[in-house]
């Protein structure tokens, strides 16, 4: 029984490690203020947040 629990927990941990909260093309605000100000937005590109010259 202990081997089954250990195997289950190992698989669970490995599966959780592959989950990423951000996906390619996601937007986020990086500053407070007007939402139509492009300098306040970033887009998730190639595993990093990049400042944008337009807003979504």
C-alpha atoms as a PDB file:
ATOM      1  CA  UNK A   1       0.000   0.000   0.000  1.00  0.00           C
ATOM      2  CA  UNK A   2       2.810   2.419   0.829  1.00  0.00           C
ATOM      3  CA  UNK A   3       4.346   1.863  -2.613  1.00  0.00           C
ATOM      4  CA  UNK A   4       1.056   2.807  -4.265  1.00  0.00           C
ATOM      5  CA  UNK A   5       0.765   5.994  -2.244  1.00  0.00           C
ATOM      6  CA  UNK A   6       4.382   6.900  -2.983  1.00  0.00           C
ATOM      7  CA  UNK A   7       3.869   6.244  -6.721  1.00  0.00           C
ATOM      8  CA  UNK A   8       0.677   8.305  -6.752  1.00  0.00           C
ATOM      9  CA  UNK A   9       2.307  11.234  -4.958  1.00  0.00           C
ATOM     10  CA  UNK A  10       5.340  11.094  -7.250  1.00  0.00           C
ATOM     11  CA  UNK A  11       3.168  11.198 -10.367  1.00  0.00           C
ATOM     12  CA  UNK A  12       1.056  13.980  -8.854  1.00  0.00           C
ATOM     13  CA  UNK A  13       4.102  16.128  -8.076  1.00  0.00           C
ATOM     14  CA  UNK A  14       5.542  15.612 -11.559  1.00  0.00           C
ATOM     15  CA  UNK A  15       2.214  16.478 -13.164  1.00  0.00           C
ATOM     16  CA  UNK A  16       1.781  19.632 -11.065  1.00  0.00           C
ATOM     17  CA  UNK A  17       5.313  20.734 -11.980  1.00  0.00           C
ATOM     18  CA  UNK A  18       4.305  20.851 -15.659  1.00  0.00           C
ATOM     19  CA  UNK A  19       1.383  23.234 -15.094  1.00  0.00           C
ATOM     20  CA  UNK A  20       2.080  26.839 -16.054  1.00  0.00           C
ATOM     21  CA  UNK A  21      -0.280  29.617 -15.020  1.00  0.00           C
ATOM     22  CA  UNK A  22       0.598  31.809 -17.990  1.00  0.00           C
ATOM     23  CA  UNK A  23       0.071  30.858 -21.608  1.00  0.00           C
ATOM     24  CA  UNK A  24       1.439  32.407 -24.767  1.00  0.00           C
ATOM     25  CA  UNK A  25      -0.461  35.605 -25.592  1.00  0.00           C
ATOM     26  CA  UNK A  26      -1.741  36.411 -22.071  1.00  0.00           C
ATOM     27  CA  UNK A  27      -1.913  40.087 -21.069  1.00  0.00           C
ATOM     28  CA  UNK A  28      -1.355  41.715 -17.671  1.00  0.00           C
ATOM     29  CA  UNK A  29      -1.133  45.209 -16.286  1.00  0.00           C
ATOM     30  CA  UNK A  30       2.196  46.341 -14.909  1.00  0.00           C
ATOM     31  CA  UNK A  31       1.149  49.749 -13.588  1.00  0.00           C
ATOM     32  CA  UNK A  32      -1.858  51.490 -12.132  1.00  0.00           C
ATOM     33  CA  UNK A  33      -3.713  54.098 -14.106  1.00  0.00           C
ATOM     34  CA  UNK A  34      -5.748  54.284 -17.282  1.00  0.00           C
ATOM     35  CA  UNK A  35      -6.357  50.945 -18.980  1.00  0.00           C
ATOM     36  CA  UNK A  36      -6.006  52.489 -22.442  1.00  0.00           C
ATOM     37  CA  UNK A  37      -2.398  53.518 -21.738  1.00  0.00           C
ATOM     38  CA  UNK A  38      -0.175  51.089 -23.662  1.00  0.00           C
ATOM     39  CA  UNK A  39       2.799  51.603 -21.338  1.00  0.00           C
ATOM     40  CA  UNK A  40       0.833  49.927 -18.550  1.00  0.00           C
ATOM     41  CA  UNK A  41       0.525  46.565 -20.319  1.00  0.00           C
ATOM     42  CA  UNK A  42       2.695  43.492 -20.827  1.00  0.00           C
ATOM     43  CA  UNK A  43       2.169  40.392 -22.957  1.00  0.00           C
ATOM     44  CA  UNK A  44       3.464  36.877 -22.217  1.00  0.00           C
ATOM     45  CA  UNK A  45       5.772  35.918 -25.098  1.00  0.00           C
ATOM     46  CA  UNK A  46       8.321  33.077 -25.180  1.00  0.00           C
ATOM     47  CA  UNK A  47       8.139  32.387 -21.439  1.00  0.00           C
ATOM     48  CA  UNK A  48       8.569  36.000 -20.305  1.00  0.00           C
ATOM     49  CA  UNK A  49       6.532  39.189 -19.874  1.00  0.00           C
ATOM     50  CA  UNK A  50       7.257  41.803 -22.558  1.00  0.00           C
ATOM     51  CA  UNK A  51       6.259  45.496 -22.496  1.00  0.00           C
ATOM     52  CA  UNK A  52       3.825  46.398 -25.277  1.00  0.00           C
ATOM     53  CA  UNK A  53       3.307  49.439 -27.481  1.00  0.00           C
ATOM     54  CA  UNK A  54      -0.441  48.733 -27.793  1.00  0.00           C
ATOM     55  CA  UNK A  55      -3.080  47.637 -25.331  1.00  0.00           C
ATOM     56  CA  UNK A  56      -5.444  44.672 -25.703  1.00  0.00           C
END
